[in-house]
Amino acid sequence: MFKNERLISQQQIQWKCLESKTENKRLQYGRFAISPFQRGQASIVGTAIRRALLQEVRGSSITRAKFHKVTIHDVLVNLKEIVLKSDSNDIQEGFLSVTGPKVVTAGDTLLPSCVKIIDNSQYVTTITQPISLYIELKIEKDRGYRIEKPEKYKDGQFVIDAVFMPVQNVNYSIHLFDNGRATQEISFMEIWTNGSLTPHEALSEASKKLIELLNPLLTIIEDGSSFKSKEDSIIIATESTSRQLQFNNTSKLEQTLFETFIDQLELPARAFNCLKRSEIHTIADLLNYSREDLSRIKNFGQKSVDQVSKALWERFGKELPNKKETIT
């Protein structure tokens, strides 16, 4: 038995693309097989890659808009939906200059050569009068979300809630198989992207990011130092039914909830997408909703409410409030 396990551990893990297709300009799909793993390893790798795909893969988004003369607020909502691909890590500038009457689309936006619009047909607004619309735009490259408080700047600039996530959803499953010597695992991973990069490119970038994050740990020197601070100690309690983070400092926990996105709950795609459409991005946002509030969300049934409640308790030791409350 020991000999068989040693042979398995020496086998190199390989991956293969089983399916790749473009649903439309803003939706690409890829399905991959990754194996062989020893028992238990596929879950470790699958969870890490899924989180890296959703949180570490960088994308580009319009983050500010400055209107000249005419301000159309509906434009702001549609500008943040425009899918972009930038080859630069620097802040870029573009502008939208049109005269009505006209149906304005993403293709009317003028951008530097390093920034590409994925779908020129994306709707922006409709101008029904013979007026001119001129908007200066700022484009940034980052990861995750950036939620801004709605406020108007004195010079006419508006900040825009930015979604930098090119990976829209990730699923993975684990299956056992017998290679004749021992039981091994194979993981099947499905990746959906917004078209700014392929699922293959996303998988490669996420894997590289994981390596970058873990590489410093290979050179740790035991010098007797401690990572535990005097002010805030973090106790990680691992139980068979739950993983709860306990903080000695309550304000520290609240701040963490504000900064932790709902991706960490690893909800099914249906529940996750419903929450995103309702502008629920962080755990703190979610805790503003009771079970009854969530059940009123379109297409969010009782099963989804139960899934959210269970995930909240298992991962953060938090329960949905009985009535709508606000974390301050």
C-alpha atoms as a PDB file:
ATOM      1  CA  MET A   1       0.000   0.000   0.000  1.00  0.00           C
ATOM      2  CA  PHE A   2       2.802   2.404   0.909  1.00  0.00           C
ATOM      3  CA  LYS A   3       4.574   1.590  -2.356  1.00  0.00           C
ATOM      4  CA  ASN A   4       1.443   2.356  -4.382  1.00  0.00           C
ATOM      5  CA  GLU A   5       0.962   5.707  -2.651  1.00  0.00           C
ATOM      6  CA  ARG A   6       4.576   6.598  -3.342  1.00  0.00           C
ATOM      7  CA  LEU A   7       4.153   5.834  -7.040  1.00  0.00           C
ATOM      8  CA  ILE A   8       1.001   7.990  -7.185  1.00  0.00           C
ATOM      9  CA  SER A   9       2.703  10.915  -5.459  1.00  0.00           C
ATOM     10  CA  GLN A  10       5.443  10.818  -8.106  1.00  0.00           C
ATOM     11  CA  GLN A  11       2.951  11.132 -10.963  1.00  0.00           C
ATOM     12  CA  GLN A  12       2.822  14.573 -12.537  1.00  0.00           C
ATOM     13  CA  ILE A  13      -0.534  16.347 -12.422  1.00  0.00           C
ATOM     14  CA  GLN A  14      -1.746  17.203 -15.909  1.00  0.00           C
ATOM     15  CA  TRP A  15      -4.674  19.144 -17.337  1.00  0.00           C
ATOM     16  CA  LYS A  16      -6.660  18.888 -20.559  1.00  0.00           C
ATOM     17  CA  CYS A  17      -9.250  21.164 -22.153  1.00  0.00           C
ATOM     18  CA  LEU A  18     -12.323  19.031 -22.802  1.00  0.00           C
ATOM     19  CA  GLU A  19     -14.553  21.738 -24.256  1.00  0.00           C
ATOM     20  CA  SER A  20     -14.181  25.343 -25.348  1.00  0.00           C
ATOM     21  CA  LYS A  21     -16.849  27.516 -26.915  1.00  0.00           C
ATOM     22  CA  THR A  22     -17.884  31.122 -27.423  1.00  0.00           C
ATOM     23  CA  GLU A  23     -21.539  31.689 -26.560  1.00  0.00           C
ATOM     24  CA  ASN A  24     -21.346  35.320 -27.663  1.00  0.00           C
ATOM     25  CA  LYS A  25     -18.820  38.169 -27.584  1.00  0.00           C
ATOM     26  CA  ARG A  26     -19.284  38.581 -23.828  1.00  0.00           C
ATOM     27  CA  LEU A  27     -19.507  34.957 -22.771  1.00  0.00           C
ATOM     28  CA  GLN A  28     -16.902  32.239 -23.231  1.00  0.00           C
ATOM     29  CA  TYR A  29     -16.986  28.769 -21.694  1.00  0.00           C
ATOM     30  CA  GLY A  30     -14.271  26.204 -21.005  1.00  0.00           C
ATOM     31  CA  ARG A  31     -14.297  22.783 -19.353  1.00  0.00           C
ATOM     32  CA  PHE A  32     -11.075  21.229 -18.083  1.00  0.00           C
ATOM     33  CA  ALA A  33      -9.940  17.939 -16.549  1.00  0.00           C
ATOM     34  CA  ILE A  34      -7.106  17.989 -13.996  1.00  0.00           C
ATOM     35  CA  SER A  35      -5.541  14.772 -12.659  1.00  0.00           C
ATOM     36  CA  PRO A  36      -4.278  12.568 -11.074  1.00  0.00           C
ATOM     37  CA  PHE A  37      -4.655  13.552  -7.436  1.00  0.00           C
ATOM     38  CA  GLN A  38      -4.292  11.526  -4.288  1.00  0.00           C
ATOM     39  CA  ARG A  39      -7.472  11.351  -2.257  1.00  0.00           C
ATOM     40  CA  GLY A  40      -8.295  14.731  -0.715  1.00  0.00           C
ATOM     41  CA  GLN A  41      -5.941  16.759  -2.914  1.00  0.00           C
ATOM     42  CA  ALA A  42      -8.454  17.626  -5.659  1.00  0.00           C
ATOM     43  CA  SER A  43     -10.618  19.529  -3.176  1.00  0.00           C
ATOM     44  CA  ILE A  44      -7.646  21.557  -1.939  1.00  0.00           C
ATOM     45  CA  VAL A  45      -6.579  22.517  -5.453  1.00  0.00           C
ATOM     46  CA  GLY A  46     -10.123  23.066  -6.719  1.00  0.00           C
ATOM     47  CA  THR A  47     -11.084  25.434  -3.901  1.00  0.00           C
ATOM     48  CA  ALA A  48      -7.864  27.451  -4.231  1.00  0.00           C
ATOM     49  CA  ILE A  49      -8.099  27.810  -8.009  1.00  0.00           C
ATOM     50  CA  ARG A  50     -11.803  28.717  -7.873  1.00  0.00           C
ATOM     51  CA  ARG A  51     -11.139  31.532  -5.431  1.00  0.00           C
ATOM     52  CA  ALA A  52      -8.131  32.745  -7.400  1.00  0.00           C
ATOM     53  CA  LEU A  53     -10.179  32.764 -10.616  1.00  0.00           C
ATOM     54  CA  LEU A  54     -12.923  34.860  -9.047  1.00  0.00           C
ATOM     55  CA  GLN A  55     -10.792  37.173  -6.921  1.00  0.00           C
ATOM     56  CA  GLU A  56      -7.240  37.383  -8.285  1.00  0.00           C
ATOM     57  CA  VAL A  57      -7.620  37.495 -12.079  1.00  0.00           C
ATOM     58  CA  ARG A  58      -7.430  41.145 -13.104  1.00  0.00           C
ATOM     59  CA  GLY A  59      -9.756  42.956 -15.463  1.00  0.00           C
ATOM     60  CA  SER A  60     -10.424  46.489 -16.727  1.00  0.00           C
ATOM     61  CA  SER A  61     -13.369  48.765 -16.068  1.00  0.00           C
ATOM     62  CA  ILE A  62     -14.513  52.355 -16.457  1.00  0.00           C
ATOM     63  CA  THR A  63     -14.197  53.952 -13.014  1.00  0.00           C
ATOM     64  CA  ARG A  64     -14.986  57.647 -13.594  1.00  0.00           C
ATOM     65  CA  ALA A  65     -17.063  59.710 -15.994  1.00  0.00           C
ATOM     66  CA  LYS A  66     -16.962  63.477 -16.444  1.00  0.00           C
ATOM     67  CA  PHE A  67     -19.897  65.022 -18.277  1.00  0.00           C
ATOM     68  CA  HIS A  68     -19.695  68.286 -20.177  1.00  0.00           C
ATOM     69  CA  LYS A  69     -22.841  70.462 -20.433  1.00  0.00           C
ATOM     70  CA  VAL A  70     -25.345  67.586 -20.615  1.00  0.00           C
ATOM     71  CA  THR A  71     -25.579  64.962 -17.833  1.00  0.00           C
ATOM     72  CA  ILE A  72     -27.509  61.719 -18.390  1.00  0.00           C
ATOM     73  CA  HIS A  73     -27.480  59.644 -15.198  1.00  0.00           C
ATOM     74  CA  ASP A  74     -28.683  56.433 -16.869  1.00  0.00           C
ATOM     75  CA  VAL A  75     -25.440  56.384 -18.822  1.00  0.00           C
ATOM     76  CA  LEU A  76     -23.450  55.658 -15.639  1.00  0.00           C
ATOM     77  CA  VAL A  77     -25.173  52.301 -15.117  1.00  0.00           C
ATOM     78  CA  ASN A  78     -24.461  51.197 -18.680  1.00  0.00           C
ATOM     79  CA  LEU A  79     -20.880  52.466 -18.757  1.00  0.00           C
ATOM     80  CA  LYS A  80     -19.860  50.109 -15.935  1.00  0.00           C
ATOM     81  CA  GLU A  81     -21.243  47.165 -17.932  1.00  0.00           C
ATOM     82  CA  ILE A  82     -18.949  47.781 -20.910  1.00  0.00           C
ATOM     83  CA  VAL A  83     -16.467  44.910 -21.174  1.00  0.00           C
ATOM     84  CA  LEU A  84     -12.907  46.090 -21.796  1.00  0.00           C
ATOM     85  CA  LYS A  85      -9.503  44.492 -22.208  1.00  0.00           C
ATOM     86  CA  SER A  86      -6.433  46.564 -21.367  1.00  0.00           C
ATOM     87  CA  ASP A  87      -2.810  45.629 -22.042  1.00  0.00           C
ATOM     88  CA  SER A  88      -1.625  48.354 -19.663  1.00  0.00           C
ATOM     89  CA  ASN A  89      -1.577  48.466 -15.870  1.00  0.00           C
ATOM     90  CA  ASP A  90      -1.694  52.272 -15.913  1.00  0.00           C
ATOM     91  CA  ILE A  91      -4.818  54.432 -15.723  1.00  0.00           C
ATOM     92  CA  GLN A  92      -6.057  55.146 -19.244  1.00  0.00           C
ATOM     93  CA  GLU A  93      -8.346  57.862 -20.592  1.00  0.00           C
ATOM     94  CA  GLY A  94     -11.013  57.799 -23.256  1.00  0.00           C
ATOM     95  CA  PHE A  95     -14.030  59.808 -24.265  1.00  0.00           C
ATOM     96  CA  LEU A  96     -17.481  59.506 -25.748  1.00  0.00           C
ATOM     97  CA  SER A  97     -18.538  62.271 -28.129  1.00  0.00           C
ATOM     98  CA  VAL A  98     -21.811  61.932 -30.069  1.00  0.00           C
ATOM     99  CA  THR A  99     -24.641  64.106 -31.360  1.00  0.00           C
ATOM    100  CA  GLY A 100     -28.284  63.060 -31.366  1.00  0.00           C
ATOM    101  CA  PRO A 101     -30.677  61.802 -32.288  1.00  0.00           C
ATOM    102  CA  LYS A 102     -28.759  58.539 -31.987  1.00  0.00           C
ATOM    103  CA  VAL A 103     -28.609  55.167 -30.256  1.00  0.00           C
ATOM    104  CA  VAL A 104     -25.244  55.270 -28.470  1.00  0.00           C
ATOM    105  CA  THR A 105     -23.263  52.041 -28.107  1.00  0.00           C
ATOM    106  CA  ALA A 106     -19.866  51.080 -26.715  1.00  0.00           C
ATOM    107  CA  GLY A 107     -18.432  51.286 -30.221  1.00  0.00           C
ATOM    108  CA  ASP A 108     -18.873  55.070 -30.140  1.00  0.00           C
ATOM    109  CA  THR A 109     -16.290  55.296 -27.358  1.00  0.00           C
ATOM    110  CA  LEU A 110     -12.801  56.419 -28.378  1.00  0.00           C
ATOM    111  CA  LEU A 111     -10.047  54.664 -26.420  1.00  0.00           C
ATOM    112  CA  PRO A 112      -6.233  54.393 -26.544  1.00  0.00           C
ATOM    113  CA  SER A 113      -4.753  51.566 -28.613  1.00  0.00           C
ATOM    114  CA  CYS A 114      -3.925  49.508 -25.514  1.00  0.00           C
ATOM    115  CA  VAL A 115      -7.611  49.252 -24.546  1.00  0.00           C
ATOM    116  CA  LYS A 116     -10.029  47.135 -26.555  1.00  0.00           C
ATOM    117  CA  ILE A 117     -13.833  47.050 -26.450  1.00  0.00           C
ATOM    118  CA  ILE A 118     -15.021  43.436 -26.492  1.00  0.00           C
ATOM    119  CA  ASP A 119     -18.542  44.104 -27.792  1.00  0.00           C
ATOM    120  CA  ASN A 120     -19.091  47.321 -29.767  1.00  0.00           C
ATOM    121  CA  SER A 121     -22.855  46.737 -29.756  1.00  0.00           C
ATOM    122  CA  GLN A 122     -23.246  47.130 -25.963  1.00  0.00           C
ATOM    123  CA  TYR A 123     -25.981  49.692 -25.327  1.00  0.00           C
ATOM    124  CA  VAL A 124     -25.115  52.968 -23.578  1.00  0.00           C
ATOM    125  CA  THR A 125     -28.043  55.352 -24.079  1.00  0.00           C
ATOM    126  CA  THR A 126     -30.483  56.808 -26.589  1.00  0.00           C
ATOM    127  CA  ILE A 127     -30.410  60.512 -27.487  1.00  0.00           C
ATOM    128  CA  THR A 128     -33.738  61.610 -28.925  1.00  0.00           C
ATOM    129  CA  GLN A 129     -32.933  65.311 -29.335  1.00  0.00           C
ATOM    130  CA  PRO A 130     -30.346  67.089 -31.531  1.00  0.00           C
ATOM    131  CA  ILE A 131     -27.971  67.621 -28.620  1.00  0.00           C
ATOM    132  CA  SER A 132     -24.299  66.761 -28.132  1.00  0.00           C
ATOM    133  CA  LEU A 133     -23.048  64.396 -25.462  1.00  0.00           C
ATOM    134  CA  TYR A 134     -19.412  64.553 -24.427  1.00  0.00           C
ATOM    135  CA  ILE A 135     -18.033  62.387 -21.611  1.00  0.00           C
ATOM    136  CA  GLU A 136     -14.436  61.971 -20.456  1.00  0.00           C
ATOM    137  CA  LEU A 137     -13.696  58.478 -19.135  1.00  0.00           C
ATOM    138  CA  LYS A 138     -11.065  56.914 -16.891  1.00  0.00           C
ATOM    139  CA  ILE A 139     -10.239  53.219 -17.235  1.00  0.00           C
ATOM    140  CA  GLU A 140      -8.403  51.226 -14.573  1.00  0.00           C
ATOM    141  CA  LYS A 141      -7.138  47.673 -14.234  1.00  0.00           C
ATOM    142  CA  ASP A 142      -7.645  45.893 -10.930  1.00  0.00           C
ATOM    143  CA  ARG A 143      -9.236  42.812  -9.346  1.00  0.00           C
ATOM    144  CA  GLY A 144     -12.528  42.111  -7.578  1.00  0.00           C
ATOM    145  CA  TYR A 145     -15.036  44.888  -6.979  1.00  0.00           C
ATOM    146  CA  ARG A 146     -14.732  48.522  -6.093  1.00  0.00           C
ATOM    147  CA  ILE A 147     -17.888  49.858  -4.457  1.00  0.00           C
ATOM    148  CA  GLU A 148     -18.119  53.651  -4.343  1.00  0.00           C
ATOM    149  CA  LYS A 149     -20.491  55.886  -2.419  1.00  0.00           C
ATOM    150  CA  PRO A 150     -22.711  57.765  -4.888  1.00  0.00           C
ATOM    151  CA  GLU A 151     -21.542  61.349  -4.893  1.00  0.00           C
ATOM    152  CA  LYS A 152     -21.042  64.097  -7.438  1.00  0.00           C
ATOM    153  CA  TYR A 153     -17.741  65.876  -7.650  1.00  0.00           C
ATOM    154  CA  LYS A 154     -17.563  69.646  -8.045  1.00  0.00           C
ATOM    155  CA  ASP A 155     -15.935  69.397 -11.457  1.00  0.00           C
ATOM    156  CA  GLY A 156     -18.766  67.230 -12.791  1.00  0.00           C
ATOM    157  CA  GLN A 157     -17.037  63.893 -12.313  1.00  0.00           C
ATOM    158  CA  PHE A 158     -18.956  60.811 -11.209  1.00  0.00           C
ATOM    159  CA  VAL A 159     -17.338  57.743  -9.669  1.00  0.00           C
ATOM    160  CA  ILE A 160     -18.634  54.411 -10.976  1.00  0.00           C
ATOM    161  CA  ASP A 161     -18.952  51.112  -9.121  1.00  0.00           C
ATOM    162  CA  ALA A 162     -16.380  48.991 -10.920  1.00  0.00           C
ATOM    163  CA  VAL A 163     -16.412  45.248 -11.486  1.00  0.00           C
ATOM    164  CA  PHE A 164     -12.939  44.124 -12.501  1.00  0.00           C
ATOM    165  CA  MET A 165     -13.796  40.405 -12.585  1.00  0.00           C
ATOM    166  CA  PRO A 166     -13.395  38.894 -16.070  1.00  0.00           C
ATOM    167  CA  VAL A 167     -14.313  35.463 -14.670  1.00  0.00           C
ATOM    168  CA  GLN A 168     -18.082  35.334 -14.184  1.00  0.00           C
ATOM    169  CA  ASN A 169     -18.498  31.899 -12.657  1.00  0.00           C
ATOM    170  CA  VAL A 170     -16.556  28.744 -11.756  1.00  0.00           C
ATOM    171  CA  ASN A 171     -17.769  25.237 -10.958  1.00  0.00           C
ATOM    172  CA  TYR A 172     -15.729  22.147 -10.172  1.00  0.00           C
ATOM    173  CA  SER A 173     -16.513  18.552  -9.355  1.00  0.00           C
ATOM    174  CA  ILE A 174     -14.384  15.675  -8.065  1.00  0.00           C
ATOM    175  CA  HIS A 175     -14.607  12.041  -9.156  1.00  0.00           C
ATOM    176  CA  LEU A 176     -12.813   8.887  -8.029  1.00  0.00           C
ATOM    177  CA  PHE A 177     -11.221   6.382 -10.383  1.00  0.00           C
ATOM    178  CA  ASP A 178      -9.079   3.266  -9.990  1.00  0.00           C
ATOM    179  CA  ASN A 179      -5.842   3.158 -11.953  1.00  0.00           C
ATOM    180  CA  GLY A 180      -5.226  -0.499 -11.109  1.00  0.00           C
ATOM    181  CA  ARG A 181      -2.934   0.228  -8.155  1.00  0.00           C
ATOM    182  CA  ALA A 182      -4.921   2.661  -6.005  1.00  0.00           C
ATOM    183  CA  THR A 183      -7.899   4.990  -5.999  1.00  0.00           C
ATOM    184  CA  GLN A 184      -7.184   8.459  -7.346  1.00  0.00           C
ATOM    185  CA  GLU A 185      -9.142  11.661  -7.975  1.00  0.00           C
ATOM    186  CA  ILE A 186      -9.852  13.686 -11.094  1.00  0.00           C
ATOM    187  CA  SER A 187     -11.286  17.199 -11.017  1.00  0.00           C
ATOM    188  CA  PHE A 188     -13.502  18.671 -13.732  1.00  0.00           C
ATOM    189  CA  MET A 189     -13.562  22.483 -13.776  1.00  0.00           C
ATOM    190  CA  GLU A 190     -15.955  24.754 -15.684  1.00  0.00           C
ATOM    191  CA  ILE A 191     -15.057  28.408 -16.263  1.00  0.00           C
ATOM    192  CA  TRP A 192     -17.159  31.210 -17.740  1.00  0.00           C
ATOM    193  CA  THR A 193     -15.538  34.546 -18.708  1.00  0.00           C
ATOM    194  CA  ASN A 194     -16.838  37.853 -20.053  1.00  0.00           C
ATOM    195  CA  GLY A 195     -14.851  37.554 -23.291  1.00  0.00           C
ATOM    196  CA  SER A 196     -11.960  39.823 -22.273  1.00  0.00           C
ATOM    197  CA  LEU A 197      -9.880  36.664 -21.842  1.00  0.00           C
ATOM    198  CA  THR A 198     -10.457  32.997 -22.569  1.00  0.00           C
ATOM    199  CA  PRO A 199     -11.145  30.416 -19.833  1.00  0.00           C
ATOM    200  CA  HIS A 200      -7.732  28.908 -20.662  1.00  0.00           C
ATOM    201  CA  GLU A 201      -6.022  32.276 -20.114  1.00  0.00           C
ATOM    202  CA  ALA A 202      -7.971  32.796 -16.879  1.00  0.00           C
ATOM    203  CA  LEU A 203      -6.947  29.373 -15.536  1.00  0.00           C
ATOM    204  CA  SER A 204      -3.304  30.079 -16.357  1.00  0.00           C
ATOM    205  CA  GLU A 205      -3.355  33.531 -14.720  1.00  0.00           C
ATOM    206  CA  ALA A 206      -5.080  32.237 -11.580  1.00  0.00           C
ATOM    207  CA  SER A 207      -2.537  29.420 -11.235  1.00  0.00           C
ATOM    208  CA  LYS A 208       0.375  31.834 -11.620  1.00  0.00           C
ATOM    209  CA  LYS A 209      -1.131  34.110  -8.969  1.00  0.00           C
ATOM    210  CA  LEU A 210      -1.431  31.221  -6.513  1.00  0.00           C
ATOM    211  CA  ILE A 211       2.223  30.363  -7.071  1.00  0.00           C
ATOM    212  CA  GLU A 212       3.219  34.018  -6.494  1.00  0.00           C
ATOM    213  CA  LEU A 213       1.233  34.117  -3.251  1.00  0.00           C
ATOM    214  CA  LEU A 214       2.688  30.886  -1.890  1.00  0.00           C
ATOM    215  CA  ASN A 215       6.249  31.191  -3.160  1.00  0.00           C
ATOM    216  CA  PRO A 216       7.464  33.372  -0.231  1.00  0.00           C
ATOM    217  CA  LEU A 217       6.409  30.621   2.172  1.00  0.00           C
ATOM    218  CA  LEU A 218       9.054  28.336   0.673  1.00  0.00           C
ATOM    219  CA  THR A 219      11.781  30.506   2.224  1.00  0.00           C
ATOM    220  CA  ILE A 220      10.360  30.914   5.738  1.00  0.00           C
ATOM    221  CA  ILE A 221      13.100  30.783   8.396  1.00  0.00           C
ATOM    222  CA  GLU A 222      12.104  29.740  11.886  1.00  0.00           C
ATOM    223  CA  ASP A 223      13.545  32.493  14.030  1.00  0.00           C
ATOM    224  CA  GLY A 224      11.123  32.304  16.927  1.00  0.00           C
ATOM    225  CA  SER A 225       9.128  35.322  15.749  1.00  0.00           C
ATOM    226  CA  SER A 226       5.340  35.331  16.048  1.00  0.00           C
ATOM    227  CA  PHE A 227       2.691  36.611  13.668  1.00  0.00           C
ATOM    228  CA  LYS A 228       0.293  37.192  16.541  1.00  0.00           C
ATOM    229  CA  SER A 229      -0.224  40.859  17.429  1.00  0.00           C
ATOM    230  CA  LYS A 230      -0.852  42.076  20.974  1.00  0.00           C
ATOM    231  CA  GLU A 231      -3.916  44.107  20.037  1.00  0.00           C
ATOM    232  CA  ASP A 232      -5.848  41.730  17.800  1.00  0.00           C
ATOM    233  CA  SER A 233      -5.473  37.982  18.088  1.00  0.00           C
ATOM    234  CA  ILE A 234      -7.059  35.724  15.513  1.00  0.00           C
ATOM    235  CA  ILE A 235      -8.269  32.326  16.574  1.00  0.00           C
ATOM    236  CA  ILE A 236      -9.125  29.900  13.811  1.00  0.00           C
ATOM    237  CA  ALA A 237     -11.480  27.268  15.118  1.00  0.00           C
ATOM    238  CA  THR A 238     -11.862  24.233  12.897  1.00  0.00           C
ATOM    239  CA  GLU A 239     -14.804  21.922  13.527  1.00  0.00           C
ATOM    240  CA  SER A 240     -16.389  19.174  11.496  1.00  0.00           C
ATOM    241  CA  THR A 241     -19.524  21.211  10.853  1.00  0.00           C
ATOM    242  CA  SER A 242     -18.208  24.774  10.671  1.00  0.00           C
ATOM    243  CA  ARG A 243     -15.266  27.104  10.220  1.00  0.00           C
ATOM    244  CA  GLN A 244     -15.682  30.284  12.213  1.00  0.00           C
ATOM    245  CA  LEU A 245     -13.369  33.256  12.442  1.00  0.00           C
ATOM    246  CA  GLN A 246     -13.341  34.692  15.951  1.00  0.00           C
ATOM    247  CA  PHE A 247     -11.842  38.125  16.513  1.00  0.00           C
ATOM    248  CA  ASN A 248     -11.043  39.602  19.910  1.00  0.00           C
ATOM    249  CA  ASN A 249     -11.741  43.019  18.454  1.00  0.00           C
ATOM    250  CA  THR A 250     -15.370  43.355  17.316  1.00  0.00           C
ATOM    251  CA  SER A 251     -14.659  46.359  15.113  1.00  0.00           C
ATOM    252  CA  LYS A 252     -12.029  44.305  13.315  1.00  0.00           C
ATOM    253  CA  LEU A 253     -14.655  41.691  12.474  1.00  0.00           C
ATOM    254  CA  GLU A 254     -17.065  44.309  11.161  1.00  0.00           C
ATOM    255  CA  GLN A 255     -14.345  45.793   8.977  1.00  0.00           C
ATOM    256  CA  THR A 256     -13.569  42.323   7.639  1.00  0.00           C
ATOM    257  CA  LEU A 257     -17.224  41.808   6.730  1.00  0.00           C
ATOM    258  CA  PHE A 258     -17.200  45.067   4.766  1.00  0.00           C
ATOM    259  CA  GLU A 259     -14.146  43.914   2.823  1.00  0.00           C
ATOM    260  CA  THR A 260     -15.157  40.281   2.255  1.00  0.00           C
ATOM    261  CA  PHE A 261     -17.078  39.587  -0.948  1.00  0.00           C
ATOM    262  CA  ILE A 262     -19.868  37.026  -1.218  1.00  0.00           C
ATOM    263  CA  ASP A 263     -17.635  34.906  -3.475  1.00  0.00           C
ATOM    264  CA  GLN A 264     -16.194  33.499  -0.238  1.00  0.00           C
ATOM    265  CA  LEU A 265     -19.520  31.780   0.457  1.00  0.00           C
ATOM    266  CA  GLU A 266     -19.036  29.593  -2.658  1.00  0.00           C
ATOM    267  CA  LEU A 267     -22.750  29.675  -3.416  1.00  0.00           C
ATOM    268  CA  PRO A 268     -24.343  27.934  -6.413  1.00  0.00           C
ATOM    269  CA  ALA A 269     -24.295  30.090  -9.556  1.00  0.00           C
ATOM    270  CA  ARG A 270     -28.047  30.818  -9.417  1.00  0.00           C
ATOM    271  CA  ALA A 271     -27.980  32.207  -5.881  1.00  0.00           C
ATOM    272  CA  PHE A 272     -24.689  34.057  -6.440  1.00  0.00           C
ATOM    273  CA  ASN A 273     -25.915  35.808  -9.606  1.00  0.00           C
ATOM    274  CA  CYS A 274     -29.235  36.804  -7.981  1.00  0.00           C
ATOM    275  CA  LEU A 275     -27.366  38.475  -5.115  1.00  0.00           C
ATOM    276  CA  LYS A 276     -25.048  40.323  -7.501  1.00  0.00           C
ATOM    277  CA  ARG A 277     -27.996  41.609  -9.537  1.00  0.00           C
ATOM    278  CA  SER A 278     -29.484  42.953  -6.301  1.00  0.00           C
ATOM    279  CA  GLU A 279     -26.244  44.900  -5.613  1.00  0.00           C
ATOM    280  CA  ILE A 280     -25.301  42.584  -2.724  1.00  0.00           C
ATOM    281  CA  HIS A 281     -21.523  42.395  -3.068  1.00  0.00           C
ATOM    282  CA  THR A 282     -20.075  41.946   0.417  1.00  0.00           C
ATOM    283  CA  ILE A 283     -20.926  39.931   3.526  1.00  0.00           C
ATOM    284  CA  ALA A 284     -21.857  43.219   5.207  1.00  0.00           C
ATOM    285  CA  ASP A 285     -24.316  43.939   2.377  1.00  0.00           C
ATOM    286  CA  LEU A 286     -25.824  40.493   2.840  1.00  0.00           C
ATOM    287  CA  LEU A 287     -26.285  40.947   6.583  1.00  0.00           C
ATOM    288  CA  ASN A 288     -28.507  43.935   5.855  1.00  0.00           C
ATOM    289  CA  TYR A 289     -31.113  41.435   4.592  1.00  0.00           C
ATOM    290  CA  SER A 290     -33.312  39.128   6.625  1.00  0.00           C
ATOM    291  CA  ARG A 291     -34.475  35.738   5.331  1.00  0.00           C
ATOM    292  CA  GLU A 292     -37.770  37.371   4.397  1.00  0.00           C
ATOM    293  CA  ASP A 293     -35.979  40.168   2.518  1.00  0.00           C
ATOM    294  CA  LEU A 294     -33.941  37.659   0.513  1.00  0.00           C
ATOM    295  CA  SER A 295     -37.011  35.625  -0.384  1.00  0.00           C
ATOM    296  CA  ARG A 296     -38.477  38.731  -2.070  1.00  0.00           C
ATOM    297  CA  ILE A 297     -35.574  38.897  -4.530  1.00  0.00           C
ATOM    298  CA  LYS A 298     -36.623  37.799  -7.998  1.00  0.00           C
ATOM    299  CA  ASN A 299     -35.831  34.125  -8.718  1.00  0.00           C
ATOM    300  CA  PHE A 300     -34.413  33.728  -5.185  1.00  0.00           C
ATOM    301  CA  GLY A 301     -36.388  30.868  -3.654  1.00  0.00           C
ATOM    302  CA  GLN A 302     -36.422  29.299  -0.217  1.00  0.00           C
ATOM    303  CA  LYS A 303     -33.723  26.820  -1.235  1.00  0.00           C
ATOM    304  CA  SER A 304     -31.369  29.691  -2.086  1.00  0.00           C
ATOM    305  CA  VAL A 305     -32.156  31.403   1.228  1.00  0.00           C
ATOM    306  CA  ASP A 306     -31.279  28.196   3.087  1.00  0.00           C
ATOM    307  CA  GLN A 307     -28.009  27.865   1.121  1.00  0.00           C
ATOM    308  CA  VAL A 308     -27.001  31.432   2.007  1.00  0.00           C
ATOM    309  CA  SER A 309     -27.912  30.971   5.670  1.00  0.00           C
ATOM    310  CA  LYS A 310     -25.929  27.743   5.925  1.00  0.00           C
ATOM    311  CA  ALA A 311     -22.855  29.172   4.201  1.00  0.00           C
ATOM    312  CA  LEU A 312     -22.883  32.286   6.390  1.00  0.00           C
ATOM    313  CA  TRP A 313     -22.883  30.212   9.553  1.00  0.00           C
ATOM    314  CA  GLU A 314     -20.316  27.643   8.414  1.00  0.00           C
ATOM    315  CA  ARG A 315     -17.793  30.167   7.113  1.00  0.00           C
ATOM    316  CA  PHE A 316     -18.304  33.245   9.303  1.00  0.00           C
ATOM    317  CA  GLY A 317     -20.375  32.138  12.274  1.00  0.00           C
ATOM    318  CA  LYS A 318     -23.030  34.717  11.350  1.00  0.00           C
ATOM    319  CA  GLU A 319     -26.792  34.399  11.017  1.00  0.00           C
ATOM    320  CA  LEU A 320     -29.192  36.399   8.873  1.00  0.00           C
ATOM    321  CA  PRO A 321     -31.055  38.961  11.001  1.00  0.00           C
ATOM    322  CA  ASN A 322     -34.718  38.408  11.857  1.00  0.00           C
ATOM    323  CA  LYS A 323     -35.456  41.795  10.392  1.00  0.00           C
ATOM    324  CA  LYS A 324     -33.541  44.207   8.216  1.00  0.00           C
ATOM    325  CA  GLU A 325     -30.612  45.733  10.069  1.00  0.00           C
ATOM    326  CA  THR A 326     -27.630  47.836   9.088  1.00  0.00           C
ATOM    327  CA  ILE A 327     -24.009  47.181  10.091  1.00  0.00           C
ATOM    328  CA  THR A 328     -22.307  50.390  11.122  1.00  0.00           C
END
